[in-house]
Amino acid sequence: MSFTYSTIGLGLGVAQITANGKIGGSLTGISIGTVTQTQKVWRSFQALGDIAFAYSYSIILIEIQDTLKSPPSEAKTMKKATLVSVSVTTLFYMLCGAAGYAPFGHMAPGNLLTGFGFYI
């Protein structure tokens, strides 16, 4: 479900950028004049918490490792699987974040799909 939801958000973000013909954000985010420095730092920490929550699979890593057969060793298999999965997940969610921020800029909604008017 998360993959489907994210794919829909990614597609809608790209479509909105194409329709607008411009990107509505900047690499530095909201300027300090619009929000206070404290608010900007707080929002950055909230984003880090959201990122950490996205990788909540780590709770079951040991249980998954116990189900693997040898050879090759479980540690070697899990190291490769974890590297690939975290890399793909990071790339995909970074694309979703960029595609959600680009059309709306600092007015991006917390829930990406609500920014496209589905709940109005």
PDB file of N, CA and C in Angstrom:
ATOM      1  N   MET A   1       0.823  -1.193   0.000  1.00  0.00           N
ATOM      2  CA  MET A   1       0.000   0.000   0.000  1.00  0.00           C
ATOM      3  C   MET A   1       0.867   1.257   0.000  1.00  0.00           C
ATOM      4  N   SER A   2       1.912   1.238   0.802  1.00  0.00           N
ATOM      5  CA  SER A   2       2.804   2.392   0.861  1.00  0.00           C
ATOM      6  C   SER A   2       3.450   2.646  -0.493  1.00  0.00           C
ATOM      7  N   PHE A   3       3.857   1.565  -1.161  1.00  0.00           N
ATOM      8  CA  PHE A   3       4.472   1.704  -2.481  1.00  0.00           C
ATOM      9  C   PHE A   3       3.473   2.285  -3.482  1.00  0.00           C
ATOM     10  N   THR A   4       2.246   1.802  -3.444  1.00  0.00           N
ATOM     11  CA  THR A   4       1.210   2.298  -4.353  1.00  0.00           C
ATOM     12  C   THR A   4       0.901   3.761  -4.070  1.00  0.00           C
ATOM     13  N   TYR A   5       0.734   4.098  -2.805  1.00  0.00           N
ATOM     14  CA  TYR A   5       0.448   5.475  -2.399  1.00  0.00           C
ATOM     15  C   TYR A   5       1.578   6.402  -2.849  1.00  0.00           C
ATOM     16  N   SER A   6       2.802   5.964  -2.644  1.00  0.00           N
ATOM     17  CA  SER A   6       3.954   6.782  -3.021  1.00  0.00           C
ATOM     18  C   SER A   6       4.078   6.920  -4.532  1.00  0.00           C
ATOM     19  N   THR A   7       3.780   5.860  -5.257  1.00  0.00           N
ATOM     20  CA  THR A   7       3.836   5.920  -6.718  1.00  0.00           C
ATOM     21  C   THR A   7       2.784   6.885  -7.254  1.00  0.00           C
ATOM     22  N   ILE A   8       1.594   6.869  -6.681  1.00  0.00           N
ATOM     23  CA  ILE A   8       0.541   7.807  -7.086  1.00  0.00           C
ATOM     24  C   ILE A   8       0.987   9.241  -6.784  1.00  0.00           C
ATOM     25  N   GLY A   9       1.525   9.470  -5.604  1.00  0.00           N
ATOM     26  CA  GLY A   9       2.016  10.805  -5.241  1.00  0.00           C
ATOM     27  C   GLY A   9       3.135  11.271  -6.148  1.00  0.00           C
ATOM     28  N   LEU A  10       4.043  10.370  -6.479  1.00  0.00           N
ATOM     29  CA  LEU A  10       5.141  10.705  -7.385  1.00  0.00           C
ATOM     30  C   LEU A  10       4.608  11.085  -8.760  1.00  0.00           C
ATOM     31  N   GLY A  11       3.674  10.292  -9.275  1.00  0.00           N
ATOM     32  CA  GLY A  11       3.088  10.591 -10.578  1.00  0.00           C
ATOM     33  C   GLY A  11       2.328  11.907 -10.590  1.00  0.00           C
ATOM     34  N   LEU A  12       1.547  12.163  -9.540  1.00  0.00           N
ATOM     35  CA  LEU A  12       0.788  13.414  -9.464  1.00  0.00           C
ATOM     36  C   LEU A  12       1.716  14.619  -9.330  1.00  0.00           C
ATOM     37  N   GLY A  13       2.806  14.449  -8.580  1.00  0.00           N
ATOM     38  CA  GLY A  13       3.773  15.538  -8.446  1.00  0.00           C
ATOM     39  C   GLY A  13       4.419  15.894  -9.768  1.00  0.00           C
ATOM     40  N   VAL A  14       4.829  14.887 -10.505  1.00  0.00           N
ATOM     41  CA  VAL A  14       5.433  15.121 -11.822  1.00  0.00           C
ATOM     42  C   VAL A  14       4.405  15.751 -12.773  1.00  0.00           C
ATOM     43  N   ALA A  15       3.173  15.275 -12.725  1.00  0.00           N
ATOM     44  CA  ALA A  15       2.119  15.849 -13.575  1.00  0.00           C
ATOM     45  C   ALA A  15       1.859  17.314 -13.218  1.00  0.00           C
ATOM     46  N   GLN A  16       1.877  17.637 -11.928  1.00  0.00           N
ATOM     47  CA  GLN A  16       1.638  19.021 -11.490  1.00  0.00           C
ATOM     48  C   GLN A  16       2.788  19.926 -11.922  1.00  0.00           C
ATOM     49  N   ILE A  17       4.019  19.426 -11.841  1.00  0.00           N
ATOM     50  CA  ILE A  17       5.170  20.214 -12.298  1.00  0.00           C
ATOM     51  C   ILE A  17       5.044  20.487 -13.790  1.00  0.00           C
ATOM     52  N   THR A  18       4.655  19.465 -14.534  1.00  0.00           N
ATOM     53  CA  THR A  18       4.485  19.606 -15.980  1.00  0.00           C
ATOM     54  C   THR A  18       3.366  20.602 -16.297  1.00  0.00           C
ATOM     55  N   ALA A  19       2.270  20.524 -15.580  1.00  0.00           N
ATOM     56  CA  ALA A  19       1.144  21.428 -15.819  1.00  0.00           C
ATOM     57  C   ALA A  19       1.501  22.873 -15.472  1.00  0.00           C
ATOM     58  N   ASN A  20       2.221  23.084 -14.343  1.00  0.00           N
ATOM     59  CA  ASN A  20       2.605  24.437 -13.930  1.00  0.00           C
ATOM     60  C   ASN A  20       3.706  25.014 -14.810  1.00  0.00           C
ATOM     61  N   GLY A  21       4.572  24.161 -15.299  1.00  0.00           N
ATOM     62  CA  GLY A  21       5.690  24.629 -16.104  1.00  0.00           C
ATOM     63  C   GLY A  21       6.803  25.261 -15.308  1.00  0.00           C
ATOM     64  N   LYS A  22       6.735  25.169 -13.976  1.00  0.00           N
ATOM     65  CA  LYS A  22       7.783  25.730 -13.121  1.00  0.00           C
ATOM     66  C   LYS A  22       7.872  24.943 -11.822  1.00  0.00           C
ATOM     67  N   ILE A  23       9.002  25.099 -11.152  1.00  0.00           N
ATOM     68  CA  ILE A  23       9.223  24.441  -9.870  1.00  0.00           C
ATOM     69  C   ILE A  23       8.979  25.472  -8.777  1.00  0.00           C
ATOM     70  N   GLY A  24       8.161  25.128  -7.789  1.00  0.00           N
ATOM     71  CA  GLY A  24       7.737  26.084  -6.781  1.00  0.00           C
ATOM     72  C   GLY A  24       8.555  26.110  -5.511  1.00  0.00           C
ATOM     73  N   GLY A  25       9.686  25.472  -5.454  1.00  0.00           N
ATOM     74  CA  GLY A  25      10.478  25.454  -4.241  1.00  0.00           C
ATOM     75  C   GLY A  25      11.924  25.802  -4.513  1.00  0.00           C
ATOM     76  N   SER A  26      12.717  25.840  -3.462  1.00  0.00           N
ATOM     77  CA  SER A  26      14.144  26.076  -3.603  1.00  0.00           C
ATOM     78  C   SER A  26      14.901  25.030  -2.790  1.00  0.00           C
ATOM     79  N   LEU A  27      16.187  24.931  -3.010  1.00  0.00           N
ATOM     80  CA  LEU A  27      16.989  23.948  -2.284  1.00  0.00           C
ATOM     81  C   LEU A  27      17.110  24.266  -0.800  1.00  0.00           C
ATOM     82  N   THR A  28      16.964  25.524  -0.428  1.00  0.00           N
ATOM     83  CA  THR A  28      17.104  25.903   0.976  1.00  0.00           C
ATOM     84  C   THR A  28      15.779  25.923   1.721  1.00  0.00           C
ATOM     85  N   GLY A  29      14.663  25.683   1.049  1.00  0.00           N
ATOM     86  CA  GLY A  29      13.364  25.645   1.713  1.00  0.00           C
ATOM     87  C   GLY A  29      12.812  27.029   1.969  1.00  0.00           C
ATOM     88  N   ILE A  30      12.053  27.148   3.041  1.00  0.00           N
ATOM     89  CA  ILE A  30      11.415  28.417   3.398  1.00  0.00           C
ATOM     90  C   ILE A  30      12.482  29.390   3.880  1.00  0.00           C
ATOM     91  N   SER A  31      12.392  30.649   3.454  1.00  0.00           N
ATOM     92  CA  SER A  31      13.356  31.643   3.903  1.00  0.00           C
ATOM     93  C   SER A  31      13.082  32.010   5.362  1.00  0.00           C
ATOM     94  N   ILE A  32      14.117  32.420   6.052  1.00  0.00           N
ATOM     95  CA  ILE A  32      14.012  32.740   7.473  1.00  0.00           C
ATOM     96  C   ILE A  32      13.036  33.889   7.723  1.00  0.00           C
ATOM     97  N   GLY A  33      12.837  34.786   6.772  1.00  0.00           N
ATOM     98  CA  GLY A  33      11.878  35.876   6.945  1.00  0.00           C
ATOM     99  C   GLY A  33      10.444  35.382   7.036  1.00  0.00           C
ATOM    100  N   THR A  34      10.146  34.243   6.390  1.00  0.00           N
ATOM    101  CA  THR A  34       8.795  33.683   6.399  1.00  0.00           C
ATOM    102  C   THR A  34       8.520  32.937   7.698  1.00  0.00           C
ATOM    103  N   VAL A  35       9.505  32.216   8.193  1.00  0.00           N
ATOM    104  CA  VAL A  35       9.408  31.505   9.473  1.00  0.00           C
ATOM    105  C   VAL A  35      10.604  31.892  10.322  1.00  0.00           C
ATOM    106  N   THR A  36      10.492  31.649  11.612  1.00  0.00           N
ATOM    107  CA  THR A  36      11.629  31.947  12.478  1.00  0.00           C
ATOM    108  C   THR A  36      12.682  30.850  12.340  1.00  0.00           C
ATOM    109  N   GLN A  37      13.867  31.158  12.793  1.00  0.00           N
ATOM    110  CA  GLN A  37      14.955  30.184  12.725  1.00  0.00           C
ATOM    111  C   GLN A  37      14.618  28.959  13.582  1.00  0.00           C
ATOM    112  N   THR A  38      13.976  29.176  14.708  1.00  0.00           N
ATOM    113  CA  THR A  38      13.581  28.074  15.585  1.00  0.00           C
ATOM    114  C   THR A  38      12.583  27.159  14.888  1.00  0.00           C
ATOM    115  N   GLN A  39      11.611  27.737  14.197  1.00  0.00           N
ATOM    116  CA  GLN A  39      10.631  26.932  13.459  1.00  0.00           C
ATOM    117  C   GLN A  39      11.308  26.110  12.368  1.00  0.00           C
ATOM    118  N   LYS A  40      12.270  26.697  11.683  1.00  0.00           N
ATOM    119  CA  LYS A  40      12.953  25.985  10.609  1.00  0.00           C
ATOM    120  C   LYS A  40      13.758  24.804  11.170  1.00  0.00           C
ATOM    121  N   VAL A  41      14.440  25.008  12.274  1.00  0.00           N
ATOM    122  CA  VAL A  41      15.195  23.926  12.911  1.00  0.00           C
ATOM    123  C   VAL A  41      14.238  22.843  13.401  1.00  0.00           C
ATOM    124  N   TRP A  42      13.131  23.240  14.028  1.00  0.00           N
ATOM    125  CA  TRP A  42      12.152  22.279  14.528  1.00  0.00           C
ATOM    126  C   TRP A  42      11.573  21.440  13.392  1.00  0.00           C
ATOM    127  N   ARG A  43      11.239  22.065  12.286  1.00  0.00           N
ATOM    128  CA  ARG A  43      10.701  21.331  11.142  1.00  0.00           C
ATOM    129  C   ARG A  43      11.735  20.378  10.548  1.00  0.00           C
ATOM    130  N   SER A  44      12.999  20.775  10.585  1.00  0.00           N
ATOM    131  CA  SER A  44      14.061  19.880  10.110  1.00  0.00           C
ATOM    132  C   SER A  44      14.149  18.641  10.990  1.00  0.00           C
ATOM    133  N   PHE A  45      14.050  18.821  12.300  1.00  0.00           N
ATOM    134  CA  PHE A  45      14.070  17.671  13.202  1.00  0.00           C
ATOM    135  C   PHE A  45      12.838  16.788  13.016  1.00  0.00           C
ATOM    136  N   GLN A  46      11.685  17.392  12.755  1.00  0.00           N
ATOM    137  CA  GLN A  46      10.488  16.605  12.473  1.00  0.00           C
ATOM    138  C   GLN A  46      10.680  15.767  11.214  1.00  0.00           C
ATOM    139  N   ALA A  47      11.314  16.333  10.207  1.00  0.00           N
ATOM    140  CA  ALA A  47      11.581  15.596   8.970  1.00  0.00           C
ATOM    141  C   ALA A  47      12.511  14.419   9.239  1.00  0.00           C
ATOM    142  N   LEU A  48      13.511  14.609  10.073  1.00  0.00           N
ATOM    143  CA  LEU A  48      14.412  13.506  10.423  1.00  0.00           C
ATOM    144  C   LEU A  48      13.654  12.398  11.149  1.00  0.00           C
ATOM    145  N   GLY A  49      12.709  12.763  11.997  1.00  0.00           N
ATOM    146  CA  GLY A  49      11.877  11.763  12.667  1.00  0.00           C
ATOM    147  C   GLY A  49      11.023  10.992  11.680  1.00  0.00           C
ATOM    148  N   ASP A  50      10.485  11.682  10.692  1.00  0.00           N
ATOM    149  CA  ASP A  50       9.693  11.013   9.648  1.00  0.00           C
ATOM    150  C   ASP A  50      10.555  10.041   8.852  1.00  0.00           C
ATOM    151  N   ILE A  51      11.778  10.439   8.568  1.00  0.00           N
ATOM    152  CA  ILE A  51      12.686   9.565   7.831  1.00  0.00           C
ATOM    153  C   ILE A  51      13.005   8.328   8.659  1.00  0.00           C
ATOM    154  N   ALA A  52      13.274   8.512   9.946  1.00  0.00           N
ATOM    155  CA  ALA A  52      13.566   7.362  10.809  1.00  0.00           C
ATOM    156  C   ALA A  52      12.365   6.421  10.891  1.00  0.00           C
ATOM    157  N   PHE A  53      11.160   6.963  10.920  1.00  0.00           N
ATOM    158  CA  PHE A  53       9.953   6.145  10.973  1.00  0.00           C
ATOM    159  C   PHE A  53       9.774   5.322   9.708  1.00  0.00           C
ATOM    160  N   ALA A  54      10.248   5.847   8.567  1.00  0.00           N
ATOM    161  CA  ALA A  54      10.121   5.136   7.298  1.00  0.00           C
ATOM    162  C   ALA A  54      10.944   3.853   7.279  1.00  0.00           C
ATOM    163  N   TYR A  55      11.957   3.770   8.133  1.00  0.00           N
ATOM    164  CA  TYR A  55      12.830   2.596   8.170  1.00  0.00           C
ATOM    165  C   TYR A  55      12.548   1.746   9.405  1.00  0.00           C
ATOM    166  N   SER A  56      11.302   1.590   9.761  1.00  0.00           N
ATOM    167  CA  SER A  56      10.929   0.847  10.970  1.00  0.00           C
ATOM    168  C   SER A  56      11.068  -0.660  10.816  1.00  0.00           C
ATOM    169  N   TYR A  57      11.433  -1.128   9.630  1.00  0.00           N
ATOM    170  CA  TYR A  57      11.615  -2.563   9.402  1.00  0.00           C
ATOM    171  C   TYR A  57      12.736  -3.134  10.264  1.00  0.00           C
ATOM    172  N   SER A  58      13.640  -2.307  10.757  1.00  0.00           N
ATOM    173  CA  SER A  58      14.818  -2.803  11.481  1.00  0.00           C
ATOM    174  C   SER A  58      14.457  -3.622  12.713  1.00  0.00           C
ATOM    175  N   ILE A  59      13.243  -3.492  13.207  1.00  0.00           N
ATOM    176  CA  ILE A  59      12.800  -4.256  14.375  1.00  0.00           C
ATOM    177  C   ILE A  59      12.795  -5.747  14.075  1.00  0.00           C
ATOM    178  N   ILE A  60      12.500  -6.130  12.837  1.00  0.00           N
ATOM    179  CA  ILE A  60      12.371  -7.550  12.506  1.00  0.00           C
ATOM    180  C   ILE A  60      13.571  -8.112  11.742  1.00  0.00           C
ATOM    181  N   LEU A  61      14.659  -7.339  11.619  1.00  0.00           N
ATOM    182  CA  LEU A  61      15.819  -7.816  10.871  1.00  0.00           C
ATOM    183  C   LEU A  61      16.396  -9.118  11.427  1.00  0.00           C
ATOM    184  N   ILE A  62      16.506  -9.231  12.732  1.00  0.00           N
ATOM    185  CA  ILE A  62      17.089 -10.433  13.338  1.00  0.00           C
ATOM    186  C   ILE A  62      16.206 -11.642  13.081  1.00  0.00           C
ATOM    187  N   GLU A  63      14.894 -11.466  13.155  1.00  0.00           N
ATOM    188  CA  GLU A  63      13.984 -12.573  12.873  1.00  0.00           C
ATOM    189  C   GLU A  63      14.089 -13.019  11.417  1.00  0.00           C
ATOM    190  N   ILE A  64      14.239 -12.090  10.512  1.00  0.00           N
ATOM    191  CA  ILE A  64      14.408 -12.446   9.095  1.00  0.00           C
ATOM    192  C   ILE A  64      15.720 -13.193   8.904  1.00  0.00           C
ATOM    193  N   GLN A  65      16.769 -12.710   9.545  1.00  0.00           N
ATOM    194  CA  GLN A  65      18.077 -13.337   9.413  1.00  0.00           C
ATOM    195  C   GLN A  65      18.052 -14.770   9.922  1.00  0.00           C
ATOM    196  N   ASP A  66      17.285 -15.049  10.949  1.00  0.00           N
ATOM    197  CA  ASP A  66      17.186 -16.406  11.495  1.00  0.00           C
ATOM    198  C   ASP A  66      16.532 -17.385  10.521  1.00  0.00           C
ATOM    199  N   THR A  67      15.740 -16.902   9.601  1.00  0.00           N
ATOM    200  CA  THR A  67      15.047 -17.792   8.663  1.00  0.00           C
ATOM    201  C   THR A  67      15.873 -18.135   7.428  1.00  0.00           C
ATOM    202  N   LEU A  68      17.026 -17.499   7.256  1.00  0.00           N
ATOM    203  CA  LEU A  68      17.860 -17.739   6.080  1.00  0.00           C
ATOM    204  C   LEU A  68      18.653 -19.028   6.221  1.00  0.00           C
ATOM    205  N   LYS A  69      18.926 -19.678   5.098  1.00  0.00           N
ATOM    206  CA  LYS A  69      19.700 -20.914   5.089  1.00  0.00           C
ATOM    207  C   LYS A  69      21.165 -20.605   4.808  1.00  0.00           C
ATOM    208  N   SER A  70      22.059 -21.441   5.278  1.00  0.00           N
ATOM    209  CA  SER A  70      23.491 -21.317   4.991  1.00  0.00           C
ATOM    210  C   SER A  70      23.871 -22.413   4.026  1.00  0.00           C
ATOM    211  N   PRO A  71      24.922 -22.339   3.267  1.00  0.00           N
ATOM    212  CA  PRO A  71      25.709 -21.166   2.905  1.00  0.00           C
ATOM    213  C   PRO A  71      24.982 -20.323   1.862  1.00  0.00           C
ATOM    214  N   PRO A  72      25.328 -19.130   1.534  1.00  0.00           N
ATOM    215  CA  PRO A  72      26.334 -18.303   2.197  1.00  0.00           C
ATOM    216  C   PRO A  72      25.856 -17.870   3.580  1.00  0.00           C
ATOM    217  N   SER A  73      26.754 -17.298   4.337  1.00  0.00           N
ATOM    218  CA  SER A  73      26.403 -16.957   5.716  1.00  0.00           C
ATOM    219  C   SER A  73      25.259 -15.943   5.756  1.00  0.00           C
ATOM    220  N   GLU A  74      24.493 -16.026   6.848  1.00  0.00           N
ATOM    221  CA  GLU A  74      23.343 -15.133   7.007  1.00  0.00           C
ATOM    222  C   GLU A  74      23.779 -13.674   7.057  1.00  0.00           C
ATOM    223  N   ALA A  75      24.907 -13.430   7.708  1.00  0.00           N
ATOM    224  CA  ALA A  75      25.377 -12.052   7.840  1.00  0.00           C
ATOM    225  C   ALA A  75      25.704 -11.458   6.471  1.00  0.00           C
ATOM    226  N   LYS A  76      26.330 -12.239   5.618  1.00  0.00           N
ATOM    227  CA  LYS A  76      26.688 -11.751   4.283  1.00  0.00           C
ATOM    228  C   LYS A  76      25.428 -11.492   3.457  1.00  0.00           C
ATOM    229  N   THR A  77      24.484 -12.408   3.510  1.00  0.00           N
ATOM    230  CA  THR A  77      23.242 -12.253   2.759  1.00  0.00           C
ATOM    231  C   THR A  77      22.454 -11.040   3.245  1.00  0.00           C
ATOM    232  N   MET A  78      22.340 -10.895   4.559  1.00  0.00           N
ATOM    233  CA  MET A  78      21.576  -9.774   5.122  1.00  0.00           C
ATOM    234  C   MET A  78      22.254  -8.438   4.843  1.00  0.00           C
ATOM    235  N   LYS A  79      23.571  -8.412   4.867  1.00  0.00           N
ATOM    236  CA  LYS A  79      24.270  -7.162   4.591  1.00  0.00           C
ATOM    237  C   LYS A  79      23.964  -6.683   3.177  1.00  0.00           C
ATOM    238  N   LYS A  80      24.013  -7.607   2.219  1.00  0.00           N
ATOM    239  CA  LYS A  80      23.719  -7.248   0.829  1.00  0.00           C
ATOM    240  C   LYS A  80      22.245  -6.875   0.663  1.00  0.00           C
ATOM    241  N   ALA A  81      21.352  -7.658   1.242  1.00  0.00           N
ATOM    242  CA  ALA A  81      19.915  -7.383   1.119  1.00  0.00           C
ATOM    243  C   ALA A  81      19.554  -6.046   1.757  1.00  0.00           C
ATOM    244  N   THR A  82      20.131  -5.753   2.910  1.00  0.00           N
ATOM    245  CA  THR A  82      19.848  -4.496   3.591  1.00  0.00           C
ATOM    246  C   THR A  82      20.378  -3.314   2.794  1.00  0.00           C
ATOM    247  N   LEU A  83      21.575  -3.442   2.243  1.00  0.00           N
ATOM    248  CA  LEU A  83      22.149  -2.367   1.439  1.00  0.00           C
ATOM    249  C   LEU A  83      21.273  -2.067   0.221  1.00  0.00           C
ATOM    250  N   VAL A  84      20.859  -3.102  -0.475  1.00  0.00           N
ATOM    251  CA  VAL A  84      20.026  -2.906  -1.668  1.00  0.00           C
ATOM    252  C   VAL A  84      18.670  -2.317  -1.289  1.00  0.00           C
ATOM    253  N   SER A  85      18.031  -2.872  -0.269  1.00  0.00           N
ATOM    254  CA  SER A  85      16.688  -2.404   0.083  1.00  0.00           C
ATOM    255  C   SER A  85      16.689  -0.983   0.622  1.00  0.00           C
ATOM    256  N   VAL A  86      17.656  -0.638   1.462  1.00  0.00           N
ATOM    257  CA  VAL A  86      17.714   0.719   1.992  1.00  0.00           C
ATOM    258  C   VAL A  86      18.049   1.709   0.874  1.00  0.00           C
ATOM    259  N   SER A  87      18.922   1.325  -0.042  1.00  0.00           N
ATOM    260  CA  SER A  87      19.271   2.212  -1.163  1.00  0.00           C
ATOM    261  C   SER A  87      18.066   2.474  -2.055  1.00  0.00           C
ATOM    262  N   VAL A  88      17.341   1.430  -2.411  1.00  0.00           N
ATOM    263  CA  VAL A  88      16.167   1.586  -3.274  1.00  0.00           C
ATOM    264  C   VAL A  88      15.079   2.386  -2.561  1.00  0.00           C
ATOM    265  N   THR A  89      14.843   2.083  -1.297  1.00  0.00           N
ATOM    266  CA  THR A  89      13.827   2.807  -0.523  1.00  0.00           C
ATOM    267  C   THR A  89      14.182   4.283  -0.400  1.00  0.00           C
ATOM    268  N   THR A  90      15.440   4.565  -0.105  1.00  0.00           N
ATOM    269  CA  THR A  90      15.884   5.954   0.024  1.00  0.00           C
ATOM    270  C   THR A  90      15.716   6.705  -1.286  1.00  0.00           C
ATOM    271  N   LEU A  91      16.135   6.114  -2.371  1.00  0.00           N
ATOM    272  CA  LEU A  91      15.995   6.754  -3.679  1.00  0.00           C
ATOM    273  C   LEU A  91      14.524   7.029  -3.999  1.00  0.00           C
ATOM    274  N   PHE A  92      13.678   6.044  -3.770  1.00  0.00           N
ATOM    275  CA  PHE A  92      12.264   6.189  -4.090  1.00  0.00           C
ATOM    276  C   PHE A  92      11.603   7.279  -3.250  1.00  0.00           C
ATOM    277  N   TYR A  93      11.859   7.279  -1.942  1.00  0.00           N
ATOM    278  CA  TYR A  93      11.220   8.282  -1.091  1.00  0.00           C
ATOM    279  C   TYR A  93      11.809   9.671  -1.278  1.00  0.00           C
ATOM    280  N   MET A  94      13.081   9.759  -1.664  1.00  0.00           N
ATOM    281  CA  MET A  94      13.646  11.066  -1.982  1.00  0.00           C
ATOM    282  C   MET A  94      12.988  11.629  -3.249  1.00  0.00           C
ATOM    283  N   LEU A  95      12.735  10.756  -4.230  1.00  0.00           N
ATOM    284  CA  LEU A  95      12.012  11.183  -5.426  1.00  0.00           C
ATOM    285  C   LEU A  95      10.609  11.655  -5.070  1.00  0.00           C
ATOM    286  N   CYS A  96       9.943  10.914  -4.186  1.00  0.00           N
ATOM    287  CA  CYS A  96       8.589  11.312  -3.763  1.00  0.00           C
ATOM    288  C   CYS A  96       8.617  12.661  -3.050  1.00  0.00           C
ATOM    289  N   GLY A  97       9.594  12.862  -2.194  1.00  0.00           N
ATOM    290  CA  GLY A  97       9.711  14.133  -1.485  1.00  0.00           C
ATOM    291  C   GLY A  97       9.974  15.293  -2.435  1.00  0.00           C
ATOM    292  N   ALA A  98      10.874  15.073  -3.388  1.00  0.00           N
ATOM    293  CA  ALA A  98      11.188  16.120  -4.358  1.00  0.00           C
ATOM    294  C   ALA A  98       9.994  16.402  -5.263  1.00  0.00           C
ATOM    295  N   ALA A  99       9.295  15.343  -5.690  1.00  0.00           N
ATOM    296  CA  ALA A  99       8.132  15.531  -6.559  1.00  0.00           C
ATOM    297  C   ALA A  99       6.969  16.151  -5.798  1.00  0.00           C
ATOM    298  N   GLY A 100       6.924  16.002  -4.495  1.00  0.00           N
ATOM    299  CA  GLY A 100       5.883  16.641  -3.698  1.00  0.00           C
ATOM    300  C   GLY A 100       6.200  18.083  -3.365  1.00  0.00           C
ATOM    301  N   TYR A 101       7.497  18.381  -3.174  1.00  0.00           N
ATOM    302  CA  TYR A 101       7.900  19.741  -2.814  1.00  0.00           C
ATOM    303  C   TYR A 101       7.959  20.652  -4.037  1.00  0.00           C
ATOM    304  N   ALA A 102       8.394  20.111  -5.157  1.00  0.00           N
ATOM    305  CA  ALA A 102       8.607  20.941  -6.347  1.00  0.00           C
ATOM    306  C   ALA A 102       7.352  21.674  -6.835  1.00  0.00           C
ATOM    307  N   PRO A 103       6.187  21.033  -6.920  1.00  0.00           N
ATOM    308  CA  PRO A 103       5.044  21.792  -7.442  1.00  0.00           C
ATOM    309  C   PRO A 103       4.464  22.794  -6.448  1.00  0.00           C
ATOM    310  N   PHE A 104       4.619  22.543  -5.153  1.00  0.00           N
ATOM    311  CA  PHE A 104       3.963  23.385  -4.149  1.00  0.00           C
ATOM    312  C   PHE A 104       4.908  24.320  -3.405  1.00  0.00           C
ATOM    313  N   GLY A 105       6.203  24.060  -3.450  1.00  0.00           N
ATOM    314  CA  GLY A 105       7.161  24.883  -2.717  1.00  0.00           C
ATOM    315  C   GLY A 105       6.924  24.795  -1.226  1.00  0.00           C
ATOM    316  N   HIS A 106       7.022  25.913  -0.525  1.00  0.00           N
ATOM    317  CA  HIS A 106       6.841  25.901   0.928  1.00  0.00           C
ATOM    318  C   HIS A 106       5.380  25.723   1.344  1.00  0.00           C
ATOM    319  N   MET A 107       4.473  25.691   0.394  1.00  0.00           N
ATOM    320  CA  MET A 107       3.061  25.449   0.701  1.00  0.00           C
ATOM    321  C   MET A 107       2.691  23.972   0.548  1.00  0.00           C
ATOM    322  N   ALA A 108       3.696  23.099   0.469  1.00  0.00           N
ATOM    323  CA  ALA A 108       3.450  21.666   0.309  1.00  0.00           C
ATOM    324  C   ALA A 108       2.671  21.136   1.512  1.00  0.00           C
ATOM    325  N   PRO A 109       1.651  20.336   1.268  1.00  0.00           N
ATOM    326  CA  PRO A 109       0.862  19.794   2.381  1.00  0.00           C
ATOM    327  C   PRO A 109       1.602  18.673   3.088  1.00  0.00           C
ATOM    328  N   GLY A 110       1.226  18.394   4.321  1.00  0.00           N
ATOM    329  CA  GLY A 110       1.813  17.281   5.052  1.00  0.00           C
ATOM    330  C   GLY A 110       1.480  15.949   4.410  1.00  0.00           C
ATOM    331  N   ASN A 111       0.276  15.830   3.895  1.00  0.00           N
ATOM    332  CA  ASN A 111      -0.147  14.640   3.168  1.00  0.00           C
ATOM    333  C   ASN A 111      -0.172  15.016   1.695  1.00  0.00           C
ATOM    334  N   LEU A 112       0.718  14.432   0.916  1.00  0.00           N
ATOM    335  CA  LEU A 112       0.917  14.844  -0.470  1.00  0.00           C
ATOM    336  C   LEU A 112      -0.359  14.783  -1.303  1.00  0.00           C
ATOM    337  N   LEU A 113      -1.152  13.745  -1.151  1.00  0.00           N
ATOM    338  CA  LEU A 113      -2.339  13.612  -1.994  1.00  0.00           C
ATOM    339  C   LEU A 113      -3.392  14.677  -1.714  1.00  0.00           C
ATOM    340  N   THR A 114      -3.417  15.256  -0.524  1.00  0.00           N
ATOM    341  CA  THR A 114      -4.401  16.296  -0.234  1.00  0.00           C
ATOM    342  C   THR A 114      -4.093  17.587  -0.984  1.00  0.00           C
ATOM    343  N   GLY A 115      -2.859  17.783  -1.401  1.00  0.00           N
ATOM    344  CA  GLY A 115      -2.493  18.998  -2.127  1.00  0.00           C
ATOM    345  C   GLY A 115      -3.031  19.035  -3.533  1.00  0.00           C
ATOM    346  N   PHE A 116      -3.503  17.932  -4.046  1.00  0.00           N
ATOM    347  CA  PHE A 116      -4.008  17.896  -5.405  1.00  0.00           C
ATOM    348  C   PHE A 116      -5.515  18.079  -5.468  1.00  0.00           C
ATOM    349  N   GLY A 117      -6.165  18.393  -4.341  1.00  0.00           N
ATOM    350  CA  GLY A 117      -7.577  18.713  -4.341  1.00  0.00           C
ATOM    351  C   GLY A 117      -8.510  17.515  -4.286  1.00  0.00           C
ATOM    352  N   PHE A 118      -8.025  16.337  -3.903  1.00  0.00           N
ATOM    353  CA  PHE A 118      -8.894  15.160  -3.844  1.00  0.00           C
ATOM    354  C   PHE A 118      -9.869  15.219  -2.676  1.00  0.00           C
ATOM    355  N   TYR A 119      -9.542  15.976  -1.646  1.00  0.00           N
ATOM    356  CA  TYR A 119     -10.375  15.982  -0.450  1.00  0.00           C
ATOM    357  C   TYR A 119     -11.145  17.280  -0.282  1.00  0.00           C
ATOM    358  N   ILE A 120     -11.217  18.076  -1.307  1.00  0.00           N
ATOM    359  CA  ILE A 120     -11.911  19.365  -1.213  1.00  0.00           C
ATOM    360  C   ILE A 120     -13.383  19.171  -1.487  1.00  0.00           C
TER     361      ILE A 120
END
